[in-house]
Amino acid sequence: MSKLKIYNTLARDKQVFSPIHAGKVGLYVCGMTVYDYCHLGHARVMVVFDMVQRWLRDIGYDVNYVCNITDIDDKIINRAIENRESIGQLTQRFIDAMHEDAAALGVQRPDHEPRATQFVPQMLDMIAKLQANGLAYQAENGDVNYSVRDFPGYGKLSGKSLDDLRAGERVDVNTGKRDPLDFVLWKSAKASEPDEAKWDSQWGQGRPGWHIECSAMSNEELGDHFDIHGGGQDLQFPHHENEIAQSEGAHQHSFVNYWMHNGFVRIDNEKMSKSLGNFFTIRDVLKNEGGRPYDGEDVRFFMLRAHYRSPLNYSDAHLDDARQTLARLYNTLKNVPPEAAALDRNSEHSQRFIEAMNDDFNTPLAISVLYELAGEVNKSQSPQAAAQLKAMAAILGLLQQDPDGYLKGRKLPPGAAQEQAGDALTETDIARKIADRVAAKQARNFAEADRIRTELTEAGIVLEDKPGGLTEWRRG
């Protein structure tokens, strides 16, 4: 059987995965800055690295999965002031919302979710080490900055040279930086900022910069040298580059062995962003205003059908196609109920699934194996084969709902009011209309039968006429 290979951004190549400690994996992923609802870009990070940690556990590793929460920064402070609420109230509300969204997507909780505000002493210790190592200095404005040109390895993750970076920078005399490439480690407190955004330090009152937060939290949770660091492609530079500079500058040795970055979410082939006005929150997508709400598994399936490193082009049509395909897989399990059985890892389908996942988490190829197996289940009507389909899909966090519940369900998205389900037909309504259609067919009133079917179709109800006059339905 093949060994797991991971595309390492640092090496710019796929590499056989070899953990620092046999049988154990330390995995750190940059999480959310909690001042607003999570968007589809956040959803992709959640789903991708949930898939990664699931596969690592499935192939036998003891995984320590850490995903941080940034609960202090400029945007958070400004939003709390605008809302006239405390920073703690704002961040807790959006942490709760983030957990609701993640649960809707079938994302398992990380082993640890450190919050930046809980690790300020560790950040101060790291800044002091950097200053002692000649890599940090305090500017006239009170900020403590990292001296980028004094760290020889800067640019090795992003492939950017200092000269190229310098050419695109302009000196801002108000920052007190010696070089425009330098970045802030400790921000001096402003009189206008609330007291809960200020901590005492040897450099005066202030708060940590964003980059130092992840270096300190990963160090505290996983040690100063660990296996895998992940995040979105947009974090590769400068955030992850700066993490390397901080961590290796403080400890004087290698920081992370494998760097993983998932691709952007794109809308009509443009990167999703607030500035472009093509920005979608997870709960707005699930709500699907004007249509039937999506199940969180629809979004998860849509995302896993693309390779994690490739761009993901979002559209309603693509999400509808994912829902229809997932419904067909659930129909297979509905028609052929699986027996209780563990995955047979020696079967042909399992072997190809494992090969795909070990090749840099190739979920599109792994899902194609699920399609093939579902086809065989439909032909053979074998409960044993159906059990293998369900067990294999479970590794990806798929096909674990009750099939009838998924196909007929009206699950409300996170944050939706109960009355939002009121416009949809209830199961009683649907059963009555199906009975009316049967009666119309028996009376040879085929025009009325067709009208009822059309009415149900327009309401998102798909009818399937079975032998013996039985009609089954699902939400399409």
Protein backbone atom coordinates (compact mmCIF):
# COMPACT_ATOMS: atom_id res chain seq x y z
CA MET A 1 0.00 0.00 0.00
CA SER A 2 1.22 3.49 -0.81
CA LYS A 3 2.46 5.91 1.82
CA LEU A 4 0.76 9.23 2.42
CA LYS A 5 2.17 12.02 0.28
CA ILE A 6 1.48 15.69 1.04
CA TYR A 7 2.14 18.66 -1.20
CA ASN A 8 4.48 20.75 0.92
CA THR A 9 4.27 24.42 -0.01
CA LEU A 10 7.71 24.96 1.50
CA ALA A 11 9.29 22.32 -0.78
CA ARG A 12 6.95 23.05 -3.72
CA ASP A 13 6.55 19.30 -4.21
CA LYS A 14 4.69 16.25 -2.95
CA GLN A 15 6.63 14.56 -0.19
CA VAL A 16 6.15 11.30 1.67
CA PHE A 17 4.81 12.18 5.09
CA SER A 18 7.13 11.28 7.95
CA PRO A 19 6.02 12.48 11.40
CA ILE A 20 8.47 13.86 13.93
CA HIS A 21 7.25 11.34 16.52
CA ALA A 22 6.24 7.90 15.26
CA GLY A 23 2.48 7.42 15.18
CA LYS A 24 1.70 11.00 16.23
CA VAL A 25 0.80 14.12 14.25
CA GLY A 26 0.77 17.74 15.40
CA LEU A 27 -1.53 19.75 13.12
CA TYR A 28 -2.09 23.51 13.47
CA VAL A 29 -4.54 25.43 11.27
CA CYS A 30 -5.13 29.18 11.28
CA GLY A 31 -8.73 29.70 12.30
CA MET A 32 -11.20 32.56 12.28
CA THR A 33 -11.02 36.20 13.30
CA VAL A 34 -14.35 36.44 15.08
CA TYR A 35 -15.99 39.78 14.34
CA ASP A 36 -18.51 38.63 11.71
CA TYR A 37 -20.18 35.50 10.33
CA CYS A 38 -18.04 32.92 8.56
CA HIS A 39 -18.03 33.01 4.75
CA LEU A 40 -17.47 30.34 2.10
CA GLY A 41 -13.71 30.85 2.23
CA HIS A 42 -13.79 29.99 5.92
CA ALA A 43 -16.04 27.03 5.13
CA ARG A 44 -13.45 25.65 2.76
CA VAL A 45 -10.70 25.84 5.39
CA MET A 46 -13.00 24.13 7.90
CA VAL A 47 -14.00 21.31 5.55
CA VAL A 48 -10.55 20.75 4.02
CA PHE A 49 -8.68 20.39 7.28
CA ASP A 50 -11.51 18.43 8.87
CA MET A 51 -11.04 16.00 5.98
CA VAL A 52 -7.26 16.00 6.54
CA GLN A 53 -7.49 15.24 10.26
CA ARG A 54 -10.13 12.55 9.63
CA TRP A 55 -7.86 10.79 7.13
CA LEU A 56 -4.80 11.03 9.37
CA ARG A 57 -6.78 9.42 12.19
CA ASP A 58 -8.25 6.81 9.88
CA ILE A 59 -4.81 5.58 8.80
CA GLY A 60 -3.77 5.20 12.40
CA TYR A 61 -2.17 8.43 13.58
CA ASP A 62 -2.75 9.92 17.02
CA VAL A 63 -3.60 13.46 15.90
CA ASN A 64 -3.43 16.61 18.00
CA TYR A 65 -5.46 19.05 15.91
CA VAL A 66 -5.24 22.69 16.94
CA CYS A 67 -7.24 25.47 15.27
CA ASN A 68 -6.91 28.90 16.84
CA ILE A 69 -9.41 31.72 17.30
CA THR A 70 -8.26 35.31 16.83
CA ASP A 71 -10.35 37.25 19.34
CA ILE A 72 -8.39 40.50 19.41
CA ASP A 73 -7.38 42.73 16.49
CA ASP A 74 -8.24 46.09 14.89
CA LYS A 75 -11.42 44.87 13.18
CA ILE A 76 -12.72 43.29 16.37
CA ILE A 77 -12.03 46.43 18.42
CA ASN A 78 -13.65 48.70 15.84
CA ARG A 79 -16.72 46.49 15.47
CA ALA A 80 -17.23 46.29 19.25
CA ILE A 81 -16.99 50.09 19.52
CA GLU A 82 -19.46 50.51 16.64
CA ASN A 83 -21.88 48.07 18.29
CA ARG A 84 -21.40 49.65 21.73
CA GLU A 85 -20.67 46.26 23.26
CA SER A 86 -17.67 44.70 24.92
CA ILE A 87 -15.07 42.84 22.89
CA GLY A 88 -15.87 39.70 24.87
CA GLN A 89 -19.58 39.92 24.01
CA LEU A 90 -18.86 40.43 20.32
CA THR A 91 -16.32 37.63 19.99
CA GLN A 92 -18.34 35.09 22.01
CA ARG A 93 -21.40 35.70 19.83
CA PHE A 94 -19.44 35.03 16.65
CA ILE A 95 -17.57 32.07 18.16
CA ASP A 96 -20.97 30.52 18.90
CA ALA A 97 -22.09 31.26 15.33
CA MET A 98 -18.86 29.76 13.95
CA HIS A 99 -19.49 26.55 15.90
CA GLU A 100 -23.06 26.38 14.54
CA ASP A 101 -21.81 26.82 10.98
CA ALA A 102 -19.06 24.21 11.42
CA ALA A 103 -21.52 21.70 12.87
CA ALA A 104 -23.88 22.25 9.93
CA LEU A 105 -20.99 21.34 7.59
CA GLY A 106 -20.24 18.14 9.51
CA VAL A 107 -16.95 19.57 10.79
CA GLN A 108 -15.63 17.92 13.94
CA ARG A 109 -14.32 20.15 16.70
CA PRO A 110 -10.52 20.48 16.84
CA ASP A 111 -8.79 18.94 19.85
CA HIS A 112 -7.84 22.45 20.96
CA GLU A 113 -9.22 25.89 20.06
CA PRO A 114 -6.86 28.37 21.71
CA ARG A 115 -8.02 31.97 21.86
CA ALA A 116 -5.41 34.67 21.35
CA THR A 117 -6.43 36.61 24.45
CA GLN A 118 -5.59 33.58 26.63
CA PHE A 119 -1.97 33.42 25.45
CA VAL A 120 -0.67 36.98 25.72
CA PRO A 121 2.03 36.05 28.30
CA GLN A 122 3.43 33.46 25.88
CA MET A 123 3.45 36.07 23.12
CA LEU A 124 5.35 38.50 25.33
CA ASP A 125 7.92 35.78 26.12
CA MET A 126 8.46 35.12 22.41
CA ILE A 127 8.83 38.84 21.61
CA ALA A 128 11.43 39.13 24.38
CA LYS A 129 13.38 36.23 22.85
CA LEU A 130 13.28 37.90 19.45
CA GLN A 131 14.56 41.13 20.92
CA ALA A 132 17.35 39.25 22.72
CA ASN A 133 18.25 37.58 19.42
CA GLY A 134 18.53 40.94 17.64
CA LEU A 135 15.36 40.45 15.58
CA ALA A 136 13.01 42.89 17.30
CA TYR A 137 13.19 46.56 18.27
CA GLN A 138 10.92 49.14 19.82
CA ALA A 139 10.07 52.09 17.61
CA GLU A 140 9.54 55.69 18.72
CA ASN A 141 5.76 55.25 18.57
CA GLY A 142 5.98 52.45 21.16
CA ASP A 143 5.35 49.55 18.77
CA VAL A 144 7.72 46.59 18.82
CA ASN A 145 8.60 45.51 15.29
CA TYR A 146 10.27 42.50 13.71
CA SER A 147 13.42 43.30 11.75
CA VAL A 148 12.83 41.30 8.56
CA ARG A 149 16.25 41.93 6.99
CA ASP A 150 17.96 40.43 10.01
CA PHE A 151 16.31 37.02 9.43
CA PRO A 152 18.22 35.29 6.59
CA GLY A 153 15.45 32.85 5.62
CA TYR A 154 12.70 35.39 5.02
CA GLY A 155 10.78 34.58 1.82
CA LYS A 156 11.47 30.83 1.71
CA LEU A 157 7.80 29.84 2.03
CA SER A 158 6.36 32.31 -0.47
CA GLY A 159 9.36 32.33 -2.81
CA LYS A 160 9.53 36.11 -2.60
CA SER A 161 12.89 37.88 -2.44
CA LEU A 162 13.41 40.84 -0.13
CA ASP A 163 14.45 43.03 -3.05
CA ASP A 164 11.22 42.24 -4.93
CA LEU A 165 9.16 42.88 -1.82
CA ARG A 166 11.02 46.10 -1.07
CA ALA A 167 10.38 47.42 -4.58
CA GLY A 168 6.63 47.36 -3.96
CA GLU A 169 6.70 49.04 -0.56
CA ARG A 170 6.53 52.69 0.41
CA VAL A 171 7.97 54.11 3.61
CA ASP A 172 5.35 55.31 6.09
CA VAL A 173 7.08 57.69 8.48
CA ASN A 174 4.26 57.31 11.04
CA THR A 175 4.98 53.64 11.72
CA GLY A 176 8.43 54.16 13.20
CA LYS A 177 9.70 51.16 11.25
CA ARG A 178 13.34 50.97 10.20
CA ASP A 179 12.27 49.18 7.02
CA PRO A 180 8.81 49.11 5.40
CA LEU A 181 8.99 45.29 5.33
CA ASP A 182 9.19 45.10 9.11
CA PHE A 183 5.97 44.00 10.80
CA VAL A 184 4.52 44.70 14.20
CA LEU A 185 4.85 42.25 17.08
CA TRP A 186 3.41 44.46 19.83
CA LYS A 187 1.08 47.39 19.19
CA SER A 188 1.33 50.28 21.61
CA ALA A 189 -2.01 51.09 23.26
CA LYS A 190 -4.08 54.00 22.00
CA ALA A 191 -6.06 56.17 24.39
CA SER A 192 -9.20 55.64 22.29
CA GLU A 193 -9.11 51.85 22.66
CA PRO A 194 -11.06 50.08 25.42
CA ASP A 195 -9.21 48.80 28.48
CA GLU A 196 -9.96 45.17 27.59
CA ALA A 197 -7.76 45.63 24.49
CA LYS A 198 -4.71 46.55 26.60
CA TRP A 199 -2.16 44.39 28.39
CA ASP A 200 0.85 45.41 30.45
CA SER A 201 4.30 44.60 29.10
CA GLN A 202 7.93 45.62 29.45
CA TRP A 203 7.37 47.85 26.40
CA GLY A 204 4.34 49.56 27.91
CA GLN A 205 0.63 48.87 27.56
CA GLY A 206 -0.50 47.42 24.28
CA ARG A 207 -1.69 44.28 22.52
CA PRO A 208 -0.14 41.62 20.28
CA GLY A 209 0.15 41.83 16.52
CA TRP A 210 -1.73 39.20 14.51
CA HIS A 211 1.27 37.18 13.34
CA ILE A 212 2.80 36.62 16.79
CA GLU A 213 -0.47 35.14 18.03
CA CYS A 214 -0.23 32.00 15.91
CA SER A 215 3.49 31.50 16.60
CA ALA A 216 2.87 31.61 20.35
CA MET A 217 -0.29 29.49 20.36
CA SER A 218 1.13 26.76 18.12
CA ASN A 219 4.28 26.68 20.23
CA GLU A 220 2.26 26.33 23.43
CA GLU A 221 -0.06 23.61 22.11
CA LEU A 222 2.28 21.60 19.85
CA GLY A 223 5.83 22.59 20.79
CA ASP A 224 8.34 24.69 18.87
CA HIS A 225 8.72 22.09 16.09
CA PHE A 226 5.70 20.21 14.75
CA ASP A 227 4.47 18.33 11.70
CA ILE A 228 1.82 20.18 9.68
CA HIS A 229 0.68 23.79 9.51
CA GLY A 230 -2.34 24.60 7.35
CA GLY A 231 -4.50 27.46 6.22
CA GLY A 232 -5.92 29.24 3.21
CA GLN A 233 -3.72 30.18 0.26
CA ASP A 234 -4.17 33.85 1.14
CA LEU A 235 -2.24 33.30 4.40
CA GLN A 236 0.89 31.96 2.74
CA PHE A 237 2.21 35.52 2.57
CA PRO A 238 2.67 37.44 4.72
CA HIS A 239 1.08 35.63 7.69
CA HIS A 240 2.75 32.23 7.42
CA GLU A 241 6.00 33.73 6.19
CA ASN A 242 6.01 35.92 9.28
CA GLU A 243 5.19 32.98 11.53
CA ILE A 244 8.30 31.21 10.25
CA ALA A 245 10.43 34.30 10.81
CA GLN A 246 9.13 34.69 14.37
CA SER A 247 9.26 31.05 15.43
CA GLU A 248 12.59 30.17 13.87
CA GLY A 249 14.03 33.51 14.92
CA ALA A 250 13.04 32.85 18.53
CA HIS A 251 14.01 29.19 18.77
CA GLN A 252 16.86 29.04 16.23
CA HIS A 253 15.67 25.83 14.58
CA SER A 254 13.08 24.54 12.11
CA PHE A 255 9.45 25.41 12.86
CA VAL A 256 7.14 23.23 10.70
CA ASN A 257 7.93 20.30 8.41
CA TYR A 258 4.91 20.41 6.05
CA TRP A 259 2.96 23.48 5.01
CA MET A 260 -0.49 22.95 3.44
CA HIS A 261 -2.61 25.62 1.74
CA ASN A 262 -6.09 25.22 0.30
CA GLY A 263 -7.11 27.12 -2.83
CA PHE A 264 -9.35 30.17 -3.07
CA VAL A 265 -13.12 30.12 -3.42
CA ARG A 266 -14.02 31.94 -6.62
CA ILE A 267 -17.31 33.44 -7.76
CA ASP A 268 -17.73 33.53 -11.53
CA ASN A 269 -13.95 32.95 -11.77
CA GLU A 270 -13.13 35.93 -9.55
CA LYS A 271 -11.74 35.56 -6.05
CA MET A 272 -14.49 35.97 -3.47
CA SER A 273 -14.04 39.19 -1.50
CA LYS A 274 -16.05 41.86 0.26
CA SER A 275 -14.54 44.56 -1.94
CA LEU A 276 -15.86 42.88 -5.10
CA GLY A 277 -19.31 42.48 -3.59
CA ASN A 278 -19.34 38.72 -4.26
CA PHE A 279 -19.19 37.72 -0.62
CA PHE A 280 -21.39 34.91 0.78
CA THR A 281 -21.70 33.78 4.39
CA ILE A 282 -22.15 30.09 5.15
CA ARG A 283 -25.58 30.66 6.67
CA ASP A 284 -26.78 32.74 3.71
CA VAL A 285 -25.73 29.98 1.30
CA LEU A 286 -27.47 27.33 3.41
CA LYS A 287 -30.58 29.51 3.69
CA ASN A 288 -30.73 29.78 -0.14
CA GLU A 289 -33.13 32.73 -0.15
CA GLY A 290 -35.89 32.11 -2.67
CA GLY A 291 -35.22 28.37 -2.89
CA ARG A 292 -35.11 25.25 -0.75
CA PRO A 293 -32.47 25.52 1.99
CA TYR A 294 -29.34 23.48 1.39
CA ASP A 295 -28.26 20.81 3.81
CA GLY A 296 -24.78 21.49 5.19
CA GLU A 297 -23.71 18.17 3.70
CA ASP A 298 -24.54 19.53 0.23
CA VAL A 299 -21.92 22.25 0.74
CA ARG A 300 -19.42 19.78 2.23
CA PHE A 301 -19.88 17.42 -0.73
CA PHE A 302 -19.55 20.31 -3.20
CA MET A 303 -16.23 21.31 -1.63
CA LEU A 304 -14.79 17.80 -1.42
CA ARG A 305 -15.54 17.14 -5.11
CA ALA A 306 -12.69 19.57 -5.87
CA HIS A 307 -9.06 18.96 -4.91
CA TYR A 308 -8.21 21.07 -1.88
CA ARG A 309 -5.37 22.91 -3.65
CA SER A 310 -7.38 23.87 -6.71
CA PRO A 311 -9.59 26.97 -6.99
CA LEU A 312 -13.23 26.25 -6.12
CA ASN A 313 -15.68 28.02 -8.41
CA TYR A 314 -18.94 28.60 -6.56
CA SER A 315 -22.31 29.01 -8.23
CA ASP A 316 -25.88 28.01 -7.43
CA ALA A 317 -25.76 25.64 -10.41
CA HIS A 318 -22.66 23.86 -9.08
CA LEU A 319 -24.19 23.56 -5.63
CA ASP A 320 -27.47 22.28 -7.10
CA ASP A 321 -25.55 19.66 -9.05
CA ALA A 322 -23.75 18.57 -5.88
CA ARG A 323 -27.08 18.26 -4.05
CA GLN A 324 -28.60 16.17 -6.84
CA THR A 325 -25.57 13.87 -6.97
CA LEU A 326 -25.54 13.45 -3.19
CA ALA A 327 -29.27 12.67 -3.32
CA ARG A 328 -28.58 9.86 -5.80
CA LEU A 329 -26.02 8.36 -3.39
CA TYR A 330 -28.52 8.59 -0.54
CA ASN A 331 -31.16 7.01 -2.79
CA THR A 332 -28.83 4.05 -3.22
CA LEU A 333 -28.62 3.58 0.55
CA LYS A 334 -32.38 4.05 0.88
CA ASN A 335 -33.15 1.42 -1.74
CA VAL A 336 -30.51 -1.02 -0.44
CA PRO A 337 -30.26 -0.55 3.34
CA PRO A 338 -26.70 -1.36 4.44
CA GLU A 339 -25.99 -4.03 7.00
CA ALA A 340 -23.79 -3.16 9.96
CA ALA A 341 -20.21 -3.80 8.89
CA ALA A 342 -16.74 -2.28 9.13
CA LEU A 343 -14.87 -1.21 6.02
CA ASP A 344 -13.06 -4.04 4.25
CA ARG A 345 -9.76 -2.34 3.49
CA ASN A 346 -8.60 -5.15 1.25
CA SER A 347 -11.40 -4.80 -1.28
CA GLU A 348 -10.65 -3.37 -4.72
CA HIS A 349 -12.73 -0.25 -4.09
CA SER A 350 -11.14 0.36 -0.70
CA GLN A 351 -7.66 0.00 -2.13
CA ARG A 352 -8.35 2.58 -4.84
CA PHE A 353 -9.98 4.90 -2.30
CA ILE A 354 -6.93 4.62 -0.02
CA GLU A 355 -4.54 5.21 -2.93
CA ALA A 356 -6.45 8.38 -3.85
CA MET A 357 -6.46 9.76 -0.31
CA ASN A 358 -2.78 8.96 0.19
CA ASP A 359 -1.98 10.94 -2.95
CA ASP A 360 -2.18 14.38 -1.32
CA PHE A 361 -5.80 13.90 -0.18
CA ASN A 362 -7.23 13.47 -3.68
CA THR A 363 -10.89 13.62 -2.68
CA PRO A 364 -12.25 13.98 -6.26
CA LEU A 365 -10.72 10.62 -7.16
CA ALA A 366 -11.84 9.09 -3.85
CA ILE A 367 -15.41 10.28 -4.47
CA SER A 368 -15.33 8.76 -7.96
CA VAL A 369 -14.75 5.42 -6.22
CA LEU A 370 -17.92 6.05 -4.20
CA TYR A 371 -19.83 6.60 -7.46
CA GLU A 372 -18.56 3.31 -8.87
CA LEU A 373 -19.42 1.42 -5.71
CA ALA A 374 -22.90 2.97 -5.63
CA GLY A 375 -23.42 1.75 -9.21
CA GLU A 376 -22.53 -1.77 -8.14
CA VAL A 377 -24.88 -1.56 -5.16
CA ASN A 378 -27.72 -0.51 -7.46
CA LYS A 379 -27.03 -3.50 -9.72
CA SER A 380 -26.38 -6.15 -7.10
CA GLN A 381 -28.83 -4.90 -4.44
CA SER A 382 -26.22 -6.16 -1.95
CA PRO A 383 -26.56 -4.91 1.67
CA GLN A 384 -22.90 -5.86 2.16
CA ALA A 385 -21.79 -3.60 -0.70
CA ALA A 386 -24.06 -0.85 0.62
CA ALA A 387 -22.32 -1.17 4.00
CA GLN A 388 -18.95 -0.69 2.30
CA LEU A 389 -20.26 2.42 0.52
CA LYS A 390 -21.47 3.94 3.79
CA ALA A 391 -18.28 3.04 5.68
CA MET A 392 -16.03 4.47 2.95
CA ALA A 393 -18.06 7.69 2.74
CA ALA A 394 -17.87 8.07 6.52
CA ILE A 395 -14.14 8.71 6.23
CA LEU A 396 -15.02 11.89 4.32
CA GLY A 397 -17.88 12.79 6.67
CA LEU A 398 -20.50 11.87 4.06
CA LEU A 399 -23.63 9.67 3.83
CA GLN A 400 -24.07 9.26 7.58
CA GLN A 401 -27.59 10.71 7.82
CA ASP A 402 -30.71 8.61 7.65
CA PRO A 403 -31.34 8.45 3.87
CA ASP A 404 -35.06 9.17 4.18
CA GLY A 405 -34.31 12.03 6.56
CA TYR A 406 -31.85 13.60 4.13
CA LEU A 407 -34.09 13.12 1.08
CA LYS A 408 -37.25 14.44 2.74
CA GLY A 409 -35.73 16.77 5.30
CA ARG A 410 -36.29 20.48 5.72
CA LYS A 411 -33.30 21.20 7.91
CA LEU A 412 -33.07 24.87 8.84
CA PRO A 413 -29.71 26.62 8.37
CA PRO A 414 -27.90 28.04 11.43
CA GLY A 415 -29.57 31.16 12.76
CA ALA A 416 -32.77 30.71 10.73
CA ALA A 417 -36.07 31.36 12.45
CA GLN A 418 -38.41 28.39 12.73
CA GLU A 419 -41.13 30.20 10.78
CA GLN A 420 -38.87 30.25 7.71
CA ALA A 421 -39.83 26.62 7.15
CA GLY A 422 -43.51 27.51 7.03
CA ASP A 423 -43.68 28.19 3.31
CA ALA A 424 -42.43 24.70 2.39
CA LEU A 425 -44.82 21.80 2.02
CA THR A 426 -45.03 19.52 5.04
CA GLU A 427 -44.84 15.74 4.69
CA THR A 428 -48.59 15.62 5.37
CA ASP A 429 -49.21 18.11 2.54
CA ILE A 430 -47.08 16.05 0.16
CA ALA A 431 -48.75 12.76 1.11
CA ARG A 432 -52.18 14.30 0.51
CA LYS A 433 -51.19 15.62 -2.91
CA ILE A 434 -49.68 12.26 -3.87
CA ALA A 435 -52.95 10.57 -2.82
CA ASP A 436 -54.90 13.10 -4.93
CA ARG A 437 -52.64 12.30 -7.88
CA VAL A 438 -53.20 8.56 -7.46
CA ALA A 439 -56.96 9.12 -7.34
CA ALA A 440 -56.78 11.27 -10.48
CA LYS A 441 -54.85 8.57 -12.35
CA GLN A 442 -57.34 5.92 -11.24
CA ALA A 443 -60.14 8.13 -12.59
CA ARG A 444 -58.10 8.44 -15.83
CA ASN A 445 -57.92 12.21 -15.26
CA PHE A 446 -54.32 12.34 -16.45
CA ALA A 447 -54.36 16.10 -16.93
CA GLU A 448 -55.09 16.57 -13.21
CA ALA A 449 -52.44 13.98 -12.29
CA ASP A 450 -49.90 15.85 -14.42
CA ARG A 451 -50.93 19.15 -12.86
CA ILE A 452 -50.34 17.82 -9.35
CA ARG A 453 -46.96 16.42 -10.35
CA THR A 454 -45.99 19.79 -11.88
CA GLU A 455 -47.15 21.61 -8.76
CA LEU A 456 -44.99 19.37 -6.59
CA THR A 457 -42.03 19.70 -8.92
CA GLU A 458 -42.24 23.49 -8.75
CA ALA A 459 -42.26 23.17 -4.96
CA GLY A 460 -39.01 21.18 -5.14
CA ILE A 461 -40.60 17.74 -4.65
CA VAL A 462 -39.37 14.94 -6.93
CA LEU A 463 -41.75 11.99 -7.42
CA GLU A 464 -40.62 8.49 -8.31
CA ASP A 465 -43.29 6.03 -9.45
CA LYS A 466 -42.42 2.51 -8.37
CA PRO A 467 -43.83 -0.86 -9.49
CA GLY A 468 -47.17 -1.76 -7.92
CA GLY A 469 -48.49 1.80 -7.97
CA LEU A 470 -46.26 3.02 -5.12
CA THR A 471 -45.00 6.61 -5.36
CA GLU A 472 -41.92 7.75 -3.40
CA TRP A 473 -40.77 11.33 -3.06
CA ARG A 474 -37.79 13.42 -2.06
CA ARG A 475 -36.95 17.07 -1.95
CA GLY A 476 -35.05 17.87 -5.15
